[in-house]
């Protein structure tokens, strides 16, 4: 089964920044597709929950572009709606400043 998704306005703005930086958006599309198809992500994505871990809904972070990459995607699940919400994407300093 494929999950539905939506993006936040911040995520959409982040993607526009990535386009201006000439980042390889195919990496983002591939990761989003894997998440929506509920595929198991490899170690290179470093999937982990963000702090605080007890926050509802729990936010998750994955890395794109290999183990040493600073490109991340922040998202959360809404299981009752079978939905993933993509909140932010970019570098750690873009998102967590």
N, C-alpha and C. Protein backbone atom coordinates (compact mmCIF):
# COMPACT_ATOMS: atom_id res chain seq x y z
N UNK A 1 0.83 -1.19 0.00
CA UNK A 1 0.00 0.00 0.00
C UNK A 1 0.87 1.25 0.00
N UNK A 2 0.48 2.24 -0.73
CA UNK A 2 1.21 3.50 -0.79
C UNK A 2 0.51 4.53 0.10
N UNK A 3 1.30 5.20 0.93
CA UNK A 3 0.76 6.24 1.80
C UNK A 3 0.55 7.53 1.02
N UNK A 4 -0.35 8.36 1.51
CA UNK A 4 -0.52 9.70 0.95
C UNK A 4 0.51 10.61 1.61
N UNK A 5 0.68 11.81 1.06
CA UNK A 5 1.60 12.76 1.68
C UNK A 5 1.14 14.18 1.42
N UNK A 6 1.69 15.06 2.24
CA UNK A 6 1.55 16.49 1.99
C UNK A 6 2.85 17.14 2.43
N UNK A 7 3.05 18.34 1.97
CA UNK A 7 4.24 19.09 2.34
C UNK A 7 3.80 20.38 3.03
N UNK A 8 4.67 20.88 3.90
CA UNK A 8 4.40 22.16 4.55
C UNK A 8 4.91 23.29 3.65
N UNK A 9 4.49 24.51 3.94
CA UNK A 9 4.98 25.66 3.19
C UNK A 9 6.49 25.80 3.35
N UNK A 10 6.99 25.51 4.55
CA UNK A 10 8.44 25.59 4.78
C UNK A 10 9.18 24.56 3.93
N UNK A 11 8.63 23.36 3.83
CA UNK A 11 9.25 22.33 2.99
C UNK A 11 9.32 22.81 1.54
N UNK A 12 8.22 23.37 1.05
CA UNK A 12 8.19 23.86 -0.33
C UNK A 12 9.23 24.96 -0.55
N UNK A 13 9.38 25.86 0.43
CA UNK A 13 10.40 26.92 0.34
C UNK A 13 11.81 26.31 0.37
N UNK A 14 11.97 25.29 1.22
CA UNK A 14 13.27 24.61 1.30
C UNK A 14 13.65 24.00 -0.05
N UNK A 15 12.68 23.38 -0.71
CA UNK A 15 12.94 22.75 -2.02
C UNK A 15 13.36 23.82 -3.03
N UNK A 16 12.72 24.98 -2.99
CA UNK A 16 13.11 26.07 -3.90
C UNK A 16 14.57 26.49 -3.67
N UNK A 17 14.99 26.51 -2.39
CA UNK A 17 16.39 26.84 -2.08
C UNK A 17 17.32 25.78 -2.67
N UNK A 18 16.91 24.51 -2.54
CA UNK A 18 17.75 23.42 -3.06
C UNK A 18 17.89 23.51 -4.58
N UNK A 19 16.81 23.90 -5.24
CA UNK A 19 16.86 24.07 -6.70
C UNK A 19 17.86 25.17 -7.05
N UNK A 20 17.83 26.29 -6.32
CA UNK A 20 18.77 27.38 -6.57
C UNK A 20 20.21 26.94 -6.33
N UNK A 21 20.40 26.02 -5.40
CA UNK A 21 21.75 25.51 -5.09
C UNK A 21 22.17 24.39 -6.03
N UNK A 22 21.29 24.02 -6.96
CA UNK A 22 21.56 22.94 -7.92
C UNK A 22 21.80 21.59 -7.24
N UNK A 23 21.07 21.32 -6.17
CA UNK A 23 21.17 20.03 -5.51
C UNK A 23 20.43 18.98 -6.33
N UNK A 24 20.84 17.75 -6.19
CA UNK A 24 20.29 16.64 -6.95
C UNK A 24 18.96 16.19 -6.33
N UNK A 25 17.85 16.76 -6.82
CA UNK A 25 16.54 16.48 -6.23
C UNK A 25 16.08 15.05 -6.43
N UNK A 26 16.73 14.32 -7.33
CA UNK A 26 16.36 12.91 -7.51
C UNK A 26 16.60 12.12 -6.21
N UNK A 27 17.57 12.54 -5.39
CA UNK A 27 17.81 11.88 -4.10
C UNK A 27 16.63 12.08 -3.16
N UNK A 28 16.07 13.29 -3.17
CA UNK A 28 14.90 13.60 -2.36
C UNK A 28 13.69 12.81 -2.84
N UNK A 29 13.48 12.80 -4.15
CA UNK A 29 12.34 12.07 -4.72
C UNK A 29 12.43 10.58 -4.41
N UNK A 30 13.62 10.02 -4.50
CA UNK A 30 13.83 8.59 -4.22
C UNK A 30 13.50 8.27 -2.76
N UNK A 31 13.99 9.11 -1.85
CA UNK A 31 13.74 8.88 -0.42
C UNK A 31 12.25 9.03 -0.10
N UNK A 32 11.61 10.03 -0.67
CA UNK A 32 10.18 10.23 -0.42
C UNK A 32 9.38 9.03 -0.93
N UNK A 33 9.74 8.54 -2.11
CA UNK A 33 9.05 7.38 -2.68
C UNK A 33 9.20 6.16 -1.78
N UNK A 34 10.41 5.93 -1.28
CA UNK A 34 10.64 4.79 -0.39
C UNK A 34 9.79 4.90 0.87
N UNK A 35 9.73 6.10 1.44
CA UNK A 35 8.92 6.29 2.64
C UNK A 35 7.43 6.07 2.35
N UNK A 36 6.97 6.59 1.23
CA UNK A 36 5.55 6.46 0.89
C UNK A 36 5.16 5.03 0.57
N UNK A 37 6.11 4.26 0.07
CA UNK A 37 5.84 2.85 -0.23
C UNK A 37 6.18 1.96 0.96
N UNK A 38 6.53 2.58 2.08
CA UNK A 38 6.85 1.90 3.33
C UNK A 38 7.97 0.88 3.17
N UNK A 39 8.95 1.23 2.33
CA UNK A 39 10.13 0.38 2.16
C UNK A 39 11.08 0.58 3.34
N UNK A 40 11.85 -0.43 3.64
CA UNK A 40 12.87 -0.33 4.67
C UNK A 40 14.01 0.51 4.10
N UNK A 41 14.41 1.53 4.86
CA UNK A 41 15.51 2.38 4.42
C UNK A 41 16.84 1.78 4.86
N UNK A 42 17.84 1.92 4.01
CA UNK A 42 19.18 1.42 4.33
C UNK A 42 19.84 2.27 5.40
N UNK A 43 20.96 1.76 5.93
CA UNK A 43 21.70 2.46 6.98
C UNK A 43 22.13 3.86 6.54
N UNK A 44 22.38 4.03 5.25
CA UNK A 44 22.88 5.32 4.76
C UNK A 44 21.90 6.46 5.02
N UNK A 45 20.63 6.13 5.24
CA UNK A 45 19.63 7.18 5.51
C UNK A 45 19.63 7.63 6.97
N UNK A 46 20.23 6.85 7.84
CA UNK A 46 20.33 7.20 9.27
C UNK A 46 18.98 7.62 9.85
N UNK A 47 17.94 6.87 9.60
CA UNK A 47 16.61 7.18 10.11
C UNK A 47 16.62 7.19 11.64
N UNK A 48 16.17 8.30 12.23
CA UNK A 48 16.09 8.38 13.69
C UNK A 48 15.06 9.42 14.11
N UNK A 49 14.47 9.22 15.31
CA UNK A 49 13.50 10.20 15.81
C UNK A 49 14.21 11.45 16.31
N UNK A 50 13.51 12.57 16.22
CA UNK A 50 14.05 13.82 16.74
C UNK A 50 13.61 14.00 18.19
N UNK A 51 14.36 14.80 18.91
CA UNK A 51 14.01 15.10 20.31
C UNK A 51 12.94 16.18 20.33
N UNK A 52 12.06 16.23 21.29
CA UNK A 52 11.85 15.19 22.28
C UNK A 52 11.15 13.99 21.65
N UNK A 53 11.59 12.81 22.01
CA UNK A 53 11.09 11.59 21.39
C UNK A 53 9.65 11.28 21.77
N UNK A 54 9.15 11.90 22.84
CA UNK A 54 7.77 11.65 23.25
C UNK A 54 6.77 12.64 22.66
N UNK A 55 7.25 13.56 21.83
CA UNK A 55 6.36 14.54 21.21
C UNK A 55 5.42 13.83 20.23
N UNK A 56 4.18 14.26 20.20
CA UNK A 56 3.18 13.67 19.31
C UNK A 56 2.79 14.73 18.29
N UNK A 57 2.81 14.47 17.00
CA UNK A 57 3.36 13.25 16.41
C UNK A 57 4.89 13.26 16.46
N UNK A 58 5.46 12.07 16.53
CA UNK A 58 6.91 11.93 16.59
C UNK A 58 7.51 12.34 15.25
N UNK A 59 8.48 13.23 15.30
CA UNK A 59 9.16 13.68 14.09
C UNK A 59 10.38 12.81 13.85
N UNK A 60 10.65 12.56 12.56
CA UNK A 60 11.76 11.72 12.14
C UNK A 60 12.68 12.52 11.24
N UNK A 61 13.91 12.04 11.14
CA UNK A 61 14.95 12.69 10.35
C UNK A 61 15.66 11.60 9.55
N UNK A 62 15.87 11.86 8.27
CA UNK A 62 16.71 10.98 7.46
C UNK A 62 17.76 11.83 6.76
N UNK A 63 18.86 11.19 6.40
CA UNK A 63 19.95 11.86 5.69
C UNK A 63 19.95 11.40 4.24
N UNK A 64 20.23 12.33 3.34
CA UNK A 64 20.29 12.02 1.91
C UNK A 64 21.70 12.26 1.40
N UNK A 65 22.12 11.44 0.45
CA UNK A 65 23.41 11.66 -0.20
C UNK A 65 24.58 10.97 0.45
N UNK A 66 24.33 9.96 1.26
CA UNK A 66 25.43 9.20 1.86
C UNK A 66 25.65 9.52 3.32
N UNK A 67 26.50 8.70 3.94
CA UNK A 67 26.71 8.78 5.38
C UNK A 67 27.26 10.11 5.86
N UNK A 68 28.08 10.77 5.07
CA UNK A 68 28.71 12.01 5.52
C UNK A 68 27.97 13.25 5.05
N UNK A 69 26.84 13.06 4.42
CA UNK A 69 26.08 14.18 3.90
C UNK A 69 25.37 14.93 5.03
N UNK A 70 25.20 16.23 4.86
CA UNK A 70 24.50 17.07 5.83
C UNK A 70 23.08 17.40 5.36
N UNK A 71 22.61 16.76 4.30
CA UNK A 71 21.28 17.01 3.76
C UNK A 71 20.28 16.12 4.50
N UNK A 72 19.28 16.74 5.12
CA UNK A 72 18.30 15.97 5.88
C UNK A 72 16.87 16.29 5.43
N UNK A 73 15.98 15.38 5.79
CA UNK A 73 14.55 15.56 5.58
C UNK A 73 13.88 15.28 6.92
N UNK A 74 13.02 16.20 7.36
CA UNK A 74 12.27 16.04 8.60
C UNK A 74 10.81 15.78 8.22
N UNK A 75 10.23 14.75 8.84
CA UNK A 75 8.85 14.39 8.50
C UNK A 75 8.19 13.71 9.70
N UNK A 76 6.87 13.53 9.60
CA UNK A 76 6.15 12.75 10.60
C UNK A 76 5.01 11.99 9.94
N UNK A 77 4.56 10.94 10.64
CA UNK A 77 3.47 10.10 10.16
C UNK A 77 2.18 10.50 10.86
N UNK A 78 1.09 10.39 10.15
CA UNK A 78 -0.25 10.45 10.74
C UNK A 78 -0.89 9.11 10.39
N UNK A 79 -0.64 8.08 11.23
CA UNK A 79 -1.08 6.72 10.89
C UNK A 79 -2.59 6.59 10.65
N UNK A 80 -3.39 7.32 11.41
CA UNK A 80 -4.84 7.20 11.25
C UNK A 80 -5.30 7.67 9.87
N UNK A 81 -4.53 8.58 9.27
CA UNK A 81 -4.86 9.10 7.94
C UNK A 81 -4.02 8.43 6.85
N UNK A 82 -3.11 7.53 7.27
CA UNK A 82 -2.18 6.90 6.33
C UNK A 82 -1.45 7.97 5.51
N UNK A 83 -0.86 8.92 6.24
CA UNK A 83 -0.30 10.13 5.65
C UNK A 83 1.09 10.40 6.22
N UNK A 84 2.00 10.85 5.37
CA UNK A 84 3.29 11.38 5.81
C UNK A 84 3.30 12.86 5.50
N UNK A 85 3.74 13.65 6.47
CA UNK A 85 3.87 15.09 6.27
C UNK A 85 5.35 15.41 6.24
N UNK A 86 5.80 15.94 5.11
CA UNK A 86 7.19 16.36 4.96
C UNK A 86 7.28 17.81 5.41
N UNK A 87 8.05 18.05 6.50
CA UNK A 87 8.11 19.37 7.12
C UNK A 87 9.23 20.24 6.61
N UNK A 88 10.46 19.70 6.56
CA UNK A 88 11.62 20.50 6.19
C UNK A 88 12.62 19.64 5.43
N UNK A 89 13.48 20.30 4.66
CA UNK A 89 14.61 19.64 4.02
C UNK A 89 15.71 20.67 3.80
N UNK A 90 16.94 20.22 3.90
CA UNK A 90 18.10 21.10 3.74
C UNK A 90 19.21 20.63 4.67
N UNK A 91 20.14 21.51 4.96
CA UNK A 91 21.23 21.17 5.87
C UNK A 91 20.77 21.36 7.32
N UNK A 92 21.54 20.81 8.25
CA UNK A 92 21.22 21.00 9.66
C UNK A 92 21.15 22.50 9.99
N UNK A 93 22.09 23.26 9.48
CA UNK A 93 22.10 24.70 9.80
C UNK A 93 20.91 25.42 9.15
N UNK A 94 20.43 24.94 8.00
CA UNK A 94 19.23 25.53 7.39
C UNK A 94 18.02 25.34 8.31
N UNK A 95 17.92 24.17 8.89
CA UNK A 95 16.71 23.78 9.61
C UNK A 95 16.76 24.07 11.10
N UNK A 96 17.89 23.83 11.75
CA UNK A 96 17.97 23.91 13.19
C UNK A 96 18.73 25.13 13.70
N UNK A 97 18.58 26.25 13.04
CA UNK A 97 19.29 27.44 13.53
C UNK A 97 18.45 28.23 14.47
